[in-house]
Amino acid sequence: MPGSISFAARTDYPTGQYPSGISIGDLDGDTWQDIIISNDNSNYLSIFKNNAIAGNISLTSINNLITGIDAKDVILTDIDG
């Protein structure tokens, strides 16, 4: 059928029990957009590195960043140019 699309099977990525905020940006300077998720009541941020190959998104969970307080939201910005 012309114009039809299809999707791959769903992939689940583990976060904290109460994910509450998400931000997308290039965290490691490789030009691919990574994902960081705040976890309310969990005291850490979940970080997913995008290992894109030929434009296909491939996320890898990396270390959780402990915040020490409830992480309700997250914002990414370039602070050093």
PDB file of N, CA and C in Angstrom:
ATOM      1  N   MET A   1       0.845  -1.168   0.000  1.00  0.00           N
ATOM      2  CA  MET A   1       0.000   0.000   0.000  1.00  0.00           C
ATOM      3  C   MET A   1       0.895   1.238   0.000  1.00  0.00           C
ATOM      4  N   PRO A   2       0.730   2.145  -0.914  1.00  0.00           N
ATOM      5  CA  PRO A   2       1.554   3.360  -0.971  1.00  0.00           C
ATOM      6  C   PRO A   2       1.403   4.208   0.284  1.00  0.00           C
ATOM      7  N   GLY A   3       2.527   4.696   0.770  1.00  0.00           N
ATOM      8  CA  GLY A   3       2.497   5.570   1.934  1.00  0.00           C
ATOM      9  C   GLY A   3       2.367   4.856   3.262  1.00  0.00           C
ATOM     10  N   SER A   4       2.390   3.534   3.281  1.00  0.00           N
ATOM     11  CA  SER A   4       2.259   2.826   4.555  1.00  0.00           C
ATOM     12  C   SER A   4       3.604   2.807   5.279  1.00  0.00           C
ATOM     13  N   ILE A   5       3.541   2.719   6.588  1.00  0.00           N
ATOM     14  CA  ILE A   5       4.748   2.632   7.406  1.00  0.00           C
ATOM     15  C   ILE A   5       4.609   1.459   8.360  1.00  0.00           C
ATOM     16  N   SER A   6       5.723   1.034   8.885  1.00  0.00           N
ATOM     17  CA  SER A   6       5.689  -0.030   9.890  1.00  0.00           C
ATOM     18  C   SER A   6       6.688   0.310  10.982  1.00  0.00           C
ATOM     19  N   PHE A   7       6.492  -0.265  12.139  1.00  0.00           N
ATOM     20  CA  PHE A   7       7.350  -0.019  13.287  1.00  0.00           C
ATOM     21  C   PHE A   7       7.968  -1.322  13.759  1.00  0.00           C
ATOM     22  N   ALA A   8       9.187  -1.232  14.273  1.00  0.00           N
ATOM     23  CA  ALA A   8       9.828  -2.396  14.875  1.00  0.00           C
ATOM     24  C   ALA A   8       9.127  -2.721  16.192  1.00  0.00           C
ATOM     25  N   ALA A   9       9.409  -3.879  16.725  1.00  0.00           N
ATOM     26  CA  ALA A   9       8.841  -4.264  18.012  1.00  0.00           C
ATOM     27  C   ALA A   9       9.288  -3.278  19.097  1.00  0.00           C
ATOM     28  N   ARG A  10       8.459  -3.058  20.072  1.00  0.00           N
ATOM     29  CA  ARG A  10       8.758  -2.146  21.179  1.00  0.00           C
ATOM     30  C   ARG A  10       9.977  -2.630  21.951  1.00  0.00           C
ATOM     31  N   THR A  11      10.791  -1.673  22.394  1.00  0.00           N
ATOM     32  CA  THR A  11      11.943  -1.975  23.239  1.00  0.00           C
ATOM     33  C   THR A  11      11.772  -1.217  24.541  1.00  0.00           C
ATOM     34  N   ASP A  12      11.839  -1.915  25.667  1.00  0.00           N
ATOM     35  CA  ASP A  12      11.737  -1.281  26.977  1.00  0.00           C
ATOM     36  C   ASP A  12      13.127  -0.984  27.522  1.00  0.00           C
ATOM     37  N   TYR A  13      13.285   0.192  28.144  1.00  0.00           N
ATOM     38  CA  TYR A  13      14.545   0.583  28.769  1.00  0.00           C
ATOM     39  C   TYR A  13      14.269   0.861  30.243  1.00  0.00           C
ATOM     40  N   PRO A  14      15.012   0.263  31.156  1.00  0.00           N
ATOM     41  CA  PRO A  14      14.735   0.423  32.581  1.00  0.00           C
ATOM     42  C   PRO A  14      15.112   1.815  33.104  1.00  0.00           C
ATOM     43  N   THR A  15      14.221   2.378  33.893  1.00  0.00           N
ATOM     44  CA  THR A  15      14.489   3.636  34.595  1.00  0.00           C
ATOM     45  C   THR A  15      14.162   3.401  36.058  1.00  0.00           C
ATOM     46  N   GLY A  16      14.109   4.454  36.828  1.00  0.00           N
ATOM     47  CA  GLY A  16      13.680   4.334  38.214  1.00  0.00           C
ATOM     48  C   GLY A  16      12.194   4.028  38.264  1.00  0.00           C
ATOM     49  N   GLN A  17      11.688   3.818  39.458  1.00  0.00           N
ATOM     50  CA  GLN A  17      10.290   3.444  39.618  1.00  0.00           C
ATOM     51  C   GLN A  17       9.337   4.561  39.193  1.00  0.00           C
ATOM     52  N   TYR A  18       9.742   5.820  39.370  1.00  0.00           N
ATOM     53  CA  TYR A  18       8.867   6.945  39.061  1.00  0.00           C
ATOM     54  C   TYR A  18       9.543   7.938  38.113  1.00  0.00           C
ATOM     55  N   PRO A  19       9.729   7.585  36.833  1.00  0.00           N
ATOM     56  CA  PRO A  19      10.343   8.544  35.918  1.00  0.00           C
ATOM     57  C   PRO A  19       9.459   9.782  35.820  1.00  0.00           C
ATOM     58  N   SER A  20      10.058  10.961  35.948  1.00  0.00           N
ATOM     59  CA  SER A  20       9.240  12.172  36.029  1.00  0.00           C
ATOM     60  C   SER A  20       9.632  13.255  35.034  1.00  0.00           C
ATOM     61  N   GLY A  21      10.818  13.216  34.469  1.00  0.00           N
ATOM     62  CA  GLY A  21      11.239  14.220  33.508  1.00  0.00           C
ATOM     63  C   GLY A  21      12.204  13.614  32.508  1.00  0.00           C
ATOM     64  N   ILE A  22      12.250  14.208  31.328  1.00  0.00           N
ATOM     65  CA  ILE A  22      13.133  13.694  30.284  1.00  0.00           C
ATOM     66  C   ILE A  22      13.752  14.870  29.537  1.00  0.00           C
ATOM     67  N   SER A  23      14.987  14.694  29.136  1.00  0.00           N
ATOM     68  CA  SER A  23      15.657  15.681  28.305  1.00  0.00           C
ATOM     69  C   SER A  23      16.513  14.933  27.293  1.00  0.00           C
ATOM     70  N   ILE A  24      16.616  15.498  26.099  1.00  0.00           N
ATOM     71  CA  ILE A  24      17.359  14.872  25.022  1.00  0.00           C
ATOM     72  C   ILE A  24      18.421  15.844  24.540  1.00  0.00           C
ATOM     73  N   GLY A  25      19.648  15.365  24.405  1.00  0.00           N
ATOM     74  CA  GLY A  25      20.738  16.199  23.924  1.00  0.00           C
ATOM     75  C   GLY A  25      22.001  15.369  23.757  1.00  0.00           C
ATOM     76  N   ASP A  26      22.984  15.940  23.124  1.00  0.00           N
ATOM     77  CA  ASP A  26      24.258  15.249  22.902  1.00  0.00           C
ATOM     78  C   ASP A  26      25.116  15.383  24.165  1.00  0.00           C
ATOM     79  N   LEU A  27      25.148  14.351  24.985  1.00  0.00           N
ATOM     80  CA  LEU A  27      25.868  14.385  26.259  1.00  0.00           C
ATOM     81  C   LEU A  27      27.364  14.124  26.117  1.00  0.00           C
ATOM     82  N   ASP A  28      27.780  13.478  25.029  1.00  0.00           N
ATOM     83  CA  ASP A  28      29.179  13.059  24.916  1.00  0.00           C
ATOM     84  C   ASP A  28      29.893  13.605  23.682  1.00  0.00           C
ATOM     85  N   GLY A  29      29.291  14.543  22.972  1.00  0.00           N
ATOM     86  CA  GLY A  29      29.960  15.195  21.850  1.00  0.00           C
ATOM     87  C   GLY A  29      30.098  14.368  20.583  1.00  0.00           C
ATOM     88  N   ASP A  30      29.317  13.290  20.446  1.00  0.00           N
ATOM     89  CA  ASP A  30      29.431  12.463  19.241  1.00  0.00           C
ATOM     90  C   ASP A  30      28.396  12.836  18.171  1.00  0.00           C
ATOM     91  N   THR A  31      27.652  13.893  18.380  1.00  0.00           N
ATOM     92  CA  THR A  31      26.588  14.437  17.520  1.00  0.00           C
ATOM     93  C   THR A  31      25.285  13.655  17.555  1.00  0.00           C
ATOM     94  N   TRP A  32      25.221  12.537  18.271  1.00  0.00           N
ATOM     95  CA  TRP A  32      23.984  11.766  18.396  1.00  0.00           C
ATOM     96  C   TRP A  32      23.270  12.187  19.675  1.00  0.00           C
ATOM     97  N   GLN A  33      21.944  12.271  19.623  1.00  0.00           N
ATOM     98  CA  GLN A  33      21.150  12.709  20.756  1.00  0.00           C
ATOM     99  C   GLN A  33      21.005  11.587  21.789  1.00  0.00           C
ATOM    100  N   ASP A  34      21.445  11.856  23.015  1.00  0.00           N
ATOM    101  CA  ASP A  34      21.330  10.926  24.131  1.00  0.00           C
ATOM    102  C   ASP A  34      20.107  11.320  24.962  1.00  0.00           C
ATOM    103  N   ILE A  35      19.729  10.474  25.906  1.00  0.00           N
ATOM    104  CA  ILE A  35      18.537  10.722  26.711  1.00  0.00           C
ATOM    105  C   ILE A  35      18.904  10.654  28.189  1.00  0.00           C
ATOM    106  N   ILE A  36      18.371  11.599  28.969  1.00  0.00           N
ATOM    107  CA  ILE A  36      18.543  11.581  30.417  1.00  0.00           C
ATOM    108  C   ILE A  36      17.155  11.713  31.048  1.00  0.00           C
ATOM    109  N   ILE A  37      16.879  10.867  32.029  1.00  0.00           N
ATOM    110  CA  ILE A  37      15.551  10.812  32.651  1.00  0.00           C
ATOM    111  C   ILE A  37      15.695  10.989  34.157  1.00  0.00           C
ATOM    112  N   SER A  38      14.902  11.897  34.721  1.00  0.00           N
ATOM    113  CA  SER A  38      14.889  12.067  36.173  1.00  0.00           C
ATOM    114  C   SER A  38      13.905  11.062  36.771  1.00  0.00           C
ATOM    115  N   ASN A  39      14.198  10.619  37.981  1.00  0.00           N
ATOM    116  CA  ASN A  39      13.392   9.602  38.657  1.00  0.00           C
ATOM    117  C   ASN A  39      12.950  10.117  40.020  1.00  0.00           C
ATOM    118  N   ASP A  40      11.734  10.620  40.096  1.00  0.00           N
ATOM    119  CA  ASP A  40      11.185  11.131  41.346  1.00  0.00           C
ATOM    120  C   ASP A  40      11.153  10.007  42.384  1.00  0.00           C
ATOM    121  N   ASN A  41      11.539  10.297  43.595  1.00  0.00           N
ATOM    122  CA  ASN A  41      11.587   9.341  44.716  1.00  0.00           C
ATOM    123  C   ASN A  41      12.648   8.263  44.544  1.00  0.00           C
ATOM    124  N   SER A  42      13.579   8.437  43.613  1.00  0.00           N
ATOM    125  CA  SER A  42      14.609   7.432  43.395  1.00  0.00           C
ATOM    126  C   SER A  42      16.016   7.957  43.611  1.00  0.00           C
ATOM    127  N   ASN A  43      16.210   9.270  43.694  1.00  0.00           N
ATOM    128  CA  ASN A  43      17.505   9.893  43.960  1.00  0.00           C
ATOM    129  C   ASN A  43      18.558   9.657  42.881  1.00  0.00           C
ATOM    130  N   TYR A  44      18.157   9.417  41.643  1.00  0.00           N
ATOM    131  CA  TYR A  44      19.150   9.313  40.583  1.00  0.00           C
ATOM    132  C   TYR A  44      18.554   9.649  39.215  1.00  0.00           C
ATOM    133  N   LEU A  45      19.445   9.896  38.271  1.00  0.00           N
ATOM    134  CA  LEU A  45      19.086  10.151  36.883  1.00  0.00           C
ATOM    135  C   LEU A  45      19.474   8.934  36.051  1.00  0.00           C
ATOM    136  N   SER A  46      18.612   8.515  35.152  1.00  0.00           N
ATOM    137  CA  SER A  46      18.924   7.414  34.232  1.00  0.00           C
ATOM    138  C   SER A  46      19.467   8.022  32.949  1.00  0.00           C
ATOM    139  N   ILE A  47      20.613   7.543  32.495  1.00  0.00           N
ATOM    140  CA  ILE A  47      21.265   8.085  31.309  1.00  0.00           C
ATOM    141  C   ILE A  47      21.347   6.990  30.245  1.00  0.00           C
ATOM    142  N   PHE A  48      20.919   7.337  29.029  1.00  0.00           N
ATOM    143  CA  PHE A  48      20.948   6.397  27.913  1.00  0.00           C
ATOM    144  C   PHE A  48      21.771   7.005  26.783  1.00  0.00           C
ATOM    145  N   LYS A  49      22.876   6.354  26.436  1.00  0.00           N
ATOM    146  CA  LYS A  49      23.759   6.807  25.362  1.00  0.00           C
ATOM    147  C   LYS A  49      23.237   6.279  24.033  1.00  0.00           C
ATOM    148  N   ASN A  50      23.192   7.145  23.047  1.00  0.00           N
ATOM    149  CA  ASN A  50      22.769   6.765  21.707  1.00  0.00           C
ATOM    150  C   ASN A  50      24.000   6.326  20.924  1.00  0.00           C
ATOM    151  N   ASN A  51      24.046   5.055  20.561  1.00  0.00           N
ATOM    152  CA  ASN A  51      25.142   4.488  19.770  1.00  0.00           C
ATOM    153  C   ASN A  51      24.677   4.295  18.342  1.00  0.00           C
ATOM    154  N   ALA A  52      24.143   5.339  17.743  1.00  0.00           N
ATOM    155  CA  ALA A  52      23.532   5.251  16.412  1.00  0.00           C
ATOM    156  C   ALA A  52      24.521   4.723  15.381  1.00  0.00           C
ATOM    157  N   ILE A  53      24.013   3.865  14.530  1.00  0.00           N
ATOM    158  CA  ILE A  53      24.796   3.331  13.418  1.00  0.00           C
ATOM    159  C   ILE A  53      23.980   3.587  12.159  1.00  0.00           C
ATOM    160  N   ALA A  54      24.561   4.313  11.228  1.00  0.00           N
ATOM    161  CA  ALA A  54      23.898   4.636   9.953  1.00  0.00           C
ATOM    162  C   ALA A  54      22.538   5.271  10.186  1.00  0.00           C
ATOM    163  N   GLY A  55      22.436   6.102  11.228  1.00  0.00           N
ATOM    164  CA  GLY A  55      21.195   6.819  11.486  1.00  0.00           C
ATOM    165  C   GLY A  55      20.170   6.047  12.293  1.00  0.00           C
ATOM    166  N   ASN A  56      20.423   4.789  12.604  1.00  0.00           N
ATOM    167  CA  ASN A  56      19.492   3.994  13.400  1.00  0.00           C
ATOM    168  C   ASN A  56      19.796   4.177  14.882  1.00  0.00           C
ATOM    169  N   ILE A  57      18.789   4.533  15.657  1.00  0.00           N
ATOM    170  CA  ILE A  57      18.973   4.764  17.085  1.00  0.00           C
ATOM    171  C   ILE A  57      19.247   3.441  17.790  1.00  0.00           C
ATOM    172  N   SER A  58      20.253   3.443  18.652  1.00  0.00           N
ATOM    173  CA  SER A  58      20.606   2.278  19.447  1.00  0.00           C
ATOM    174  C   SER A  58      21.009   2.779  20.826  1.00  0.00           C
ATOM    175  N   LEU A  59      20.122   2.645  21.809  1.00  0.00           N
ATOM    176  CA  LEU A  59      20.377   3.179  23.148  1.00  0.00           C
ATOM    177  C   LEU A  59      21.020   2.142  24.051  1.00  0.00           C
ATOM    178  N   THR A  60      21.985   2.603  24.840  1.00  0.00           N
ATOM    179  CA  THR A  60      22.642   1.776  25.835  1.00  0.00           C
ATOM    180  C   THR A  60      22.514   2.471  27.174  1.00  0.00           C
ATOM    181  N   SER A  61      22.008   1.747  28.175  1.00  0.00           N
ATOM    182  CA  SER A  61      21.926   2.310  29.513  1.00  0.00           C
ATOM    183  C   SER A  61      23.327   2.394  30.098  1.00  0.00           C
ATOM    184  N   ILE A  62      23.687   3.563  30.619  1.00  0.00           N
ATOM    185  CA  ILE A  62      24.978   3.702  31.283  1.00  0.00           C
ATOM    186  C   ILE A  62      24.724   4.004  32.751  1.00  0.00           C
ATOM    187  N   ASN A  63      25.750   4.223  33.497  1.00  0.00           N
ATOM    188  CA  ASN A  63      25.614   4.399  34.940  1.00  0.00           C
ATOM    189  C   ASN A  63      24.521   5.386  35.297  1.00  0.00           C
ATOM    190  N   ASN A  64      23.795   5.052  36.369  1.00  0.00           N
ATOM    191  CA  ASN A  64      22.830   5.995  36.909  1.00  0.00           C
ATOM    192  C   ASN A  64      23.586   7.020  37.738  1.00  0.00           C
ATOM    193  N   LEU A  65      23.242   8.268  37.582  1.00  0.00           N
ATOM    194  CA  LEU A  65      23.888   9.359  38.293  1.00  0.00           C
ATOM    195  C   LEU A  65      23.106   9.634  39.575  1.00  0.00           C
ATOM    196  N   ILE A  66      23.732   9.420  40.730  1.00  0.00           N
ATOM    197  CA  ILE A  66      23.058   9.626  42.007  1.00  0.00           C
ATOM    198  C   ILE A  66      22.991  11.116  42.304  1.00  0.00           C
ATOM    199  N   THR A  67      21.792  11.606  42.617  1.00  0.00           N
ATOM    200  CA  THR A  67      21.590  13.030  42.877  1.00  0.00           C
ATOM    201  C   THR A  67      21.590  13.360  44.361  1.00  0.00           C
ATOM    202  N   GLY A  68      21.214  12.400  45.202  1.00  0.00           N
ATOM    203  CA  GLY A  68      21.142  12.645  46.637  1.00  0.00           C
ATOM    204  C   GLY A  68      19.817  13.232  47.088  1.00  0.00           C
ATOM    205  N   ILE A  69      19.020  13.710  46.140  1.00  0.00           N
ATOM    206  CA  ILE A  69      17.682  14.228  46.441  1.00  0.00           C
ATOM    207  C   ILE A  69      16.731  13.715  45.372  1.00  0.00           C
ATOM    208  N   ASP A  70      15.433  13.860  45.605  1.00  0.00           N
ATOM    209  CA  ASP A  70      14.462  13.443  44.596  1.00  0.00           C
ATOM    210  C   ASP A  70      14.679  14.246  43.317  1.00  0.00           C
ATOM    211  N   ALA A  71      14.950  13.569  42.227  1.00  0.00           N
ATOM    212  CA  ALA A  71      15.173  14.229  40.934  1.00  0.00           C
ATOM    213  C   ALA A  71      13.845  14.317  40.207  1.00  0.00           C
ATOM    214  N   LYS A  72      13.210  15.470  40.269  1.00  0.00           N
ATOM    215  CA  LYS A  72      11.879  15.626  39.691  1.00  0.00           C
ATOM    216  C   LYS A  72      11.903  16.031  38.225  1.00  0.00           C
ATOM    217  N   ASP A  73      12.969  16.694  37.780  1.00  0.00           N
ATOM    218  CA  ASP A  73      13.052  17.148  36.400  1.00  0.00           C
ATOM    219  C   ASP A  73      14.512  17.292  36.004  1.00  0.00           C
ATOM    220  N   VAL A  74      14.773  17.397  34.719  1.00  0.00           N
ATOM    221  CA  VAL A  74      16.143  17.545  34.231  1.00  0.00           C
ATOM    222  C   VAL A  74      16.132  18.439  32.985  1.00  0.00           C
ATOM    223  N   ILE A  75      17.114  19.319  32.912  1.00  0.00           N
ATOM    224  CA  ILE A  75      17.261  20.208  31.756  1.00  0.00           C
ATOM    225  C   ILE A  75      18.719  20.145  31.316  1.00  0.00           C
ATOM    226  N   LEU A  76      18.945  20.004  30.031  1.00  0.00           N
ATOM    227  CA  LEU A  76      20.310  19.995  29.483  1.00  0.00           C
ATOM    228  C   LEU A  76      20.616  21.341  28.859  1.00  0.00           C
ATOM    229  N   THR A  77      21.829  21.813  29.087  1.00  0.00           N
ATOM    230  CA  THR A  77      22.292  23.045  28.443  1.00  0.00           C
ATOM    231  C   THR A  77      23.809  23.011  28.361  1.00  0.00           C
ATOM    232  N   ASP A  78      24.369  23.733  27.417  1.00  0.00           N
ATOM    233  CA  ASP A  78      25.811  23.827  27.265  1.00  0.00           C
ATOM    234  C   ASP A  78      26.319  24.947  28.160  1.00  0.00           C
ATOM    235  N   ILE A  79      27.088  24.628  29.198  1.00  0.00           N
ATOM    236  CA  ILE A  79      27.540  25.650  30.145  1.00  0.00           C
ATOM    237  C   ILE A  79      28.957  26.134  29.890  1.00  0.00           C
ATOM    238  N   ASP A  80      29.673  25.499  28.939  1.00  0.00           N
ATOM    239  CA  ASP A  80      31.051  25.945  28.705  1.00  0.00           C
ATOM    240  C   ASP A  80      31.370  26.206  27.241  1.00  0.00           C
ATOM    241  N   GLY A  81      30.337  26.279  26.417  1.00  0.00           N
ATOM    242  CA  GLY A  81      30.521  26.635  25.022  1.00  0.00           C
ATOM    243  C   GLY A  81      31.196  25.556  24.240  1.00  0.00           C
TER     244      GLY A  81
END
